[in-house]
Amino acid sequence: MGRQMTYRLNYENATEKRQAFQEQGYQTIPKEDGQIKHPEHLQKHEHLQVLQREALNGNYDVVKEMINELPEYQRKDMTEMIKRIVSDMGRTYE
């Protein structure tokens, strides 16, 4: 059995893509199915976006409630991250 080479394509570079297809044959890229297989990642992402928006709007009571909805092991890190985000915008997290 021959050794299979792994080659990372830069699909933004048409010349590189064309050359790789000539050497290796046409390759299809599977559809991204992370949201189907792992919907919890999408839910966490949406939760983080709402949390950031509420913090930047100064709705700290809502932020504290949302942080308390998280698992305990995430609360400290999330609080620190929100403080940094608010601080980067020139505000103070209360």
N, C-alpha and C. Protein backbone atom coordinates (compact mmCIF):
# COMPACT_ATOMS: atom_id res chain seq x y z
N MET A 1 0.85 -1.16 0.00
CA MET A 1 0.00 0.00 0.00
C MET A 1 0.89 1.23 0.00
N GLY A 2 0.59 2.19 -0.87
CA GLY A 2 1.39 3.40 -0.99
C GLY A 2 1.11 4.38 0.12
N ARG A 3 2.04 5.23 0.31
CA ARG A 3 1.90 6.26 1.34
C ARG A 3 1.08 7.41 0.79
N GLN A 4 0.09 7.83 1.53
CA GLN A 4 -0.78 8.92 1.08
C GLN A 4 -0.22 10.24 1.59
N MET A 5 -0.09 11.20 0.68
CA MET A 5 0.43 12.51 1.03
C MET A 5 -0.73 13.42 1.42
N THR A 6 -0.54 14.19 2.44
CA THR A 6 -1.53 15.18 2.83
C THR A 6 -1.02 16.53 2.35
N TYR A 7 -1.87 17.26 1.66
CA TYR A 7 -1.49 18.55 1.12
C TYR A 7 -2.57 19.54 1.48
N ARG A 8 -2.17 20.62 2.09
CA ARG A 8 -3.14 21.66 2.45
C ARG A 8 -3.25 22.64 1.30
N LEU A 9 -4.44 22.79 0.81
CA LEU A 9 -4.67 23.70 -0.30
C LEU A 9 -5.04 25.08 0.18
N ASN A 10 -4.50 26.06 -0.50
CA ASN A 10 -4.93 27.43 -0.29
C ASN A 10 -5.91 27.70 -1.42
N TYR A 11 -7.19 27.53 -1.16
CA TYR A 11 -8.19 27.63 -2.22
C TYR A 11 -8.36 29.06 -2.73
N GLU A 12 -7.77 30.03 -2.04
CA GLU A 12 -7.83 31.40 -2.52
C GLU A 12 -6.79 31.64 -3.60
N ASN A 13 -5.82 30.76 -3.72
CA ASN A 13 -4.78 30.87 -4.73
C ASN A 13 -5.14 29.92 -5.87
N ALA A 14 -5.65 30.46 -6.96
CA ALA A 14 -6.14 29.65 -8.07
C ALA A 14 -5.03 28.82 -8.71
N THR A 15 -3.83 29.36 -8.81
CA THR A 15 -2.72 28.63 -9.42
C THR A 15 -2.37 27.41 -8.58
N GLU A 16 -2.29 27.59 -7.29
CA GLU A 16 -1.96 26.49 -6.39
C GLU A 16 -3.06 25.42 -6.44
N LYS A 17 -4.29 25.85 -6.49
CA LYS A 17 -5.42 24.92 -6.55
C LYS A 17 -5.37 24.11 -7.84
N ARG A 18 -5.15 24.79 -8.96
CA ARG A 18 -5.10 24.13 -10.26
C ARG A 18 -3.96 23.11 -10.30
N GLN A 19 -2.79 23.48 -9.78
CA GLN A 19 -1.64 22.59 -9.78
C GLN A 19 -1.91 21.35 -8.91
N ALA A 20 -2.51 21.55 -7.74
CA ALA A 20 -2.81 20.42 -6.87
C ALA A 20 -3.82 19.49 -7.52
N PHE A 21 -4.79 20.04 -8.20
CA PHE A 21 -5.79 19.20 -8.88
C PHE A 21 -5.14 18.38 -9.99
N GLN A 22 -4.16 18.96 -10.68
CA GLN A 22 -3.46 18.22 -11.73
C GLN A 22 -2.66 17.07 -11.14
N GLU A 23 -2.03 17.30 -9.98
CA GLU A 23 -1.20 16.28 -9.35
C GLU A 23 -2.01 15.22 -8.63
N GLN A 24 -3.08 15.63 -7.97
CA GLN A 24 -3.81 14.72 -7.09
C GLN A 24 -5.21 14.39 -7.57
N GLY A 25 -5.68 15.05 -8.60
CA GLY A 25 -7.05 14.86 -9.04
C GLY A 25 -7.97 15.82 -8.31
N TYR A 26 -9.17 15.94 -8.81
CA TYR A 26 -10.14 16.88 -8.25
C TYR A 26 -10.55 16.44 -6.85
N GLN A 27 -10.64 17.39 -5.94
CA GLN A 27 -11.01 17.08 -4.57
C GLN A 27 -12.23 17.91 -4.19
N THR A 28 -13.14 17.29 -3.50
CA THR A 28 -14.28 18.03 -3.01
C THR A 28 -14.10 18.25 -1.51
N ILE A 29 -14.60 19.35 -1.05
CA ILE A 29 -14.52 19.67 0.37
C ILE A 29 -15.87 19.36 0.98
N PRO A 30 -15.91 18.52 2.00
CA PRO A 30 -17.20 18.20 2.61
C PRO A 30 -17.83 19.44 3.24
N LYS A 31 -19.15 19.45 3.25
CA LYS A 31 -19.86 20.57 3.87
C LYS A 31 -19.59 20.57 5.36
N GLU A 32 -19.52 21.76 5.91
CA GLU A 32 -19.30 21.92 7.34
C GLU A 32 -20.60 21.52 8.05
N ASP A 33 -20.50 20.52 8.90
CA ASP A 33 -21.71 20.04 9.57
C ASP A 33 -21.61 20.20 11.09
N GLY A 34 -20.74 21.08 11.54
CA GLY A 34 -20.57 21.25 12.99
C GLY A 34 -21.83 21.71 13.69
N GLN A 35 -22.63 22.54 13.03
CA GLN A 35 -23.85 23.02 13.67
C GLN A 35 -24.89 21.92 13.76
N ILE A 36 -24.85 20.98 12.83
CA ILE A 36 -25.81 19.88 12.86
C ILE A 36 -25.41 18.87 13.93
N LYS A 37 -24.11 18.52 13.94
CA LYS A 37 -23.64 17.51 14.89
C LYS A 37 -23.44 18.07 16.29
N HIS A 38 -23.13 19.36 16.39
CA HIS A 38 -22.83 19.94 17.69
C HIS A 38 -23.58 21.26 17.88
N PRO A 39 -24.89 21.23 18.02
CA PRO A 39 -25.65 22.47 18.16
C PRO A 39 -25.31 23.24 19.44
N GLU A 40 -24.72 22.57 20.43
CA GLU A 40 -24.38 23.26 21.67
C GLU A 40 -23.33 24.34 21.43
N HIS A 41 -22.46 24.16 20.43
CA HIS A 41 -21.47 25.19 20.12
C HIS A 41 -22.14 26.46 19.61
N LEU A 42 -23.15 26.28 18.78
CA LEU A 42 -23.88 27.43 18.27
C LEU A 42 -24.63 28.13 19.41
N GLN A 43 -25.21 27.36 20.30
CA GLN A 43 -25.92 27.94 21.44
C GLN A 43 -24.96 28.72 22.35
N LYS A 44 -23.77 28.16 22.58
CA LYS A 44 -22.78 28.85 23.41
C LYS A 44 -22.32 30.14 22.75
N HIS A 45 -22.14 30.09 21.44
CA HIS A 45 -21.72 31.28 20.70
C HIS A 45 -22.77 32.38 20.79
N GLU A 46 -24.02 32.01 20.61
CA GLU A 46 -25.11 32.99 20.70
C GLU A 46 -25.21 33.56 22.12
N HIS A 47 -25.04 32.71 23.12
CA HIS A 47 -25.08 33.14 24.52
C HIS A 47 -23.97 34.15 24.77
N LEU A 48 -22.77 33.88 24.25
CA LEU A 48 -21.64 34.79 24.44
C LEU A 48 -21.90 36.13 23.76
N GLN A 49 -22.47 36.11 22.57
CA GLN A 49 -22.75 37.37 21.87
C GLN A 49 -23.75 38.23 22.64
N VAL A 50 -24.80 37.60 23.15
CA VAL A 50 -25.80 38.35 23.93
C VAL A 50 -25.16 38.88 25.20
N LEU A 51 -24.35 38.06 25.84
CA LEU A 51 -23.66 38.45 27.07
C LEU A 51 -22.77 39.67 26.82
N GLN A 52 -22.01 39.65 25.74
CA GLN A 52 -21.14 40.79 25.41
C GLN A 52 -21.96 42.04 25.13
N ARG A 53 -23.03 41.89 24.39
CA ARG A 53 -23.88 43.05 24.05
C ARG A 53 -24.48 43.67 25.31
N GLU A 54 -24.98 42.84 26.21
CA GLU A 54 -25.56 43.34 27.44
C GLU A 54 -24.50 44.04 28.30
N ALA A 55 -23.30 43.49 28.35
CA ALA A 55 -22.23 44.11 29.13
C ALA A 55 -21.85 45.46 28.54
N LEU A 56 -21.74 45.53 27.22
CA LEU A 56 -21.38 46.80 26.59
C LEU A 56 -22.48 47.84 26.71
N ASN A 57 -23.71 47.39 26.85
CA ASN A 57 -24.83 48.32 27.04
C ASN A 57 -25.00 48.72 28.51
N GLY A 58 -24.19 48.12 29.39
CA GLY A 58 -24.25 48.48 30.81
C GLY A 58 -25.33 47.77 31.59
N ASN A 59 -25.91 46.72 31.04
CA ASN A 59 -26.96 45.96 31.73
C ASN A 59 -26.31 44.87 32.60
N TYR A 60 -25.65 45.30 33.67
CA TYR A 60 -24.85 44.39 34.46
C TYR A 60 -25.67 43.38 35.25
N ASP A 61 -26.91 43.71 35.59
CA ASP A 61 -27.76 42.74 36.28
C ASP A 61 -28.06 41.56 35.35
N VAL A 62 -28.34 41.87 34.09
CA VAL A 62 -28.59 40.81 33.09
C VAL A 62 -27.33 39.98 32.89
N VAL A 63 -26.17 40.66 32.83
CA VAL A 63 -24.89 39.97 32.64
C VAL A 63 -24.65 39.00 33.79
N LYS A 64 -24.88 39.44 35.01
CA LYS A 64 -24.66 38.57 36.17
C LYS A 64 -25.59 37.37 36.14
N GLU A 65 -26.85 37.58 35.74
CA GLU A 65 -27.79 36.46 35.62
C GLU A 65 -27.32 35.46 34.57
N MET A 66 -26.87 36.00 33.43
CA MET A 66 -26.43 35.12 32.34
C MET A 66 -25.18 34.34 32.73
N ILE A 67 -24.27 34.99 33.45
CA ILE A 67 -23.06 34.29 33.90
C ILE A 67 -23.43 33.21 34.91
N ASN A 68 -24.42 33.47 35.76
CA ASN A 68 -24.85 32.45 36.73
C ASN A 68 -25.54 31.26 36.07
N GLU A 69 -26.01 31.43 34.83
CA GLU A 69 -26.60 30.32 34.09
C GLU A 69 -25.54 29.35 33.56
N LEU A 70 -24.30 29.82 33.49
CA LEU A 70 -23.20 29.00 32.99
C LEU A 70 -22.78 27.97 34.04
N PRO A 71 -22.12 26.89 33.60
CA PRO A 71 -21.56 25.96 34.58
C PRO A 71 -20.54 26.69 35.46
N GLU A 72 -20.43 26.26 36.69
CA GLU A 72 -19.58 26.97 37.65
C GLU A 72 -18.13 27.10 37.18
N TYR A 73 -17.62 26.08 36.50
CA TYR A 73 -16.22 26.12 36.07
C TYR A 73 -15.96 27.18 35.01
N GLN A 74 -17.00 27.73 34.38
CA GLN A 74 -16.84 28.76 33.35
C GLN A 74 -17.06 30.17 33.87
N ARG A 75 -17.66 30.30 35.02
CA ARG A 75 -18.09 31.62 35.51
C ARG A 75 -16.94 32.59 35.72
N LYS A 76 -15.87 32.16 36.38
CA LYS A 76 -14.76 33.06 36.67
C LYS A 76 -14.11 33.55 35.37
N ASP A 77 -13.82 32.62 34.46
CA ASP A 77 -13.20 33.00 33.19
C ASP A 77 -14.10 33.93 32.39
N MET A 78 -15.38 33.65 32.37
CA MET A 78 -16.31 34.48 31.61
C MET A 78 -16.40 35.88 32.21
N THR A 79 -16.41 35.96 33.53
CA THR A 79 -16.44 37.26 34.18
C THR A 79 -15.20 38.07 33.82
N GLU A 80 -14.04 37.44 33.85
CA GLU A 80 -12.79 38.13 33.50
C GLU A 80 -12.81 38.57 32.04
N MET A 81 -13.32 37.72 31.16
CA MET A 81 -13.39 38.06 29.75
C MET A 81 -14.31 39.26 29.52
N ILE A 82 -15.46 39.25 30.17
CA ILE A 82 -16.40 40.37 30.03
C ILE A 82 -15.79 41.65 30.57
N LYS A 83 -15.07 41.57 31.68
CA LYS A 83 -14.41 42.75 32.23
C LYS A 83 -13.41 43.32 31.23
N ARG A 84 -12.64 42.45 30.57
CA ARG A 84 -11.67 42.91 29.57
C ARG A 84 -12.35 43.54 28.37
N ILE A 85 -13.44 42.93 27.92
CA ILE A 85 -14.17 43.47 26.77
C ILE A 85 -14.69 44.87 27.07
N VAL A 86 -15.30 45.02 28.23
CA VAL A 86 -15.84 46.32 28.64
C VAL A 86 -14.71 47.33 28.81
N SER A 87 -13.61 46.89 29.41
CA SER A 87 -12.46 47.77 29.63
C SER A 87 -11.86 48.22 28.30
N ASP A 88 -11.79 47.31 27.33
CA ASP A 88 -11.26 47.67 26.00
C ASP A 88 -12.08 48.75 25.33
N MET A 89 -13.34 48.87 25.71
CA MET A 89 -14.21 49.90 25.14
C MET A 89 -14.18 51.18 25.99
N GLY A 90 -13.29 51.22 26.98
CA GLY A 90 -13.12 52.42 27.80
C GLY A 90 -14.16 52.57 28.90
N ARG A 91 -14.76 51.47 29.28
CA ARG A 91 -15.78 51.49 30.32
C ARG A 91 -15.33 50.64 31.50
N THR A 92 -16.08 50.69 32.58
CA THR A 92 -15.76 49.91 33.77
C THR A 92 -16.91 48.96 34.07
N TYR A 93 -16.56 47.70 34.25
CA TYR A 93 -17.56 46.69 34.61
C TYR A 93 -17.82 46.80 36.10
N GLU A 94 -19.07 46.89 36.47
CA GLU A 94 -19.44 47.06 37.89
C GLU A 94 -19.85 45.75 38.49
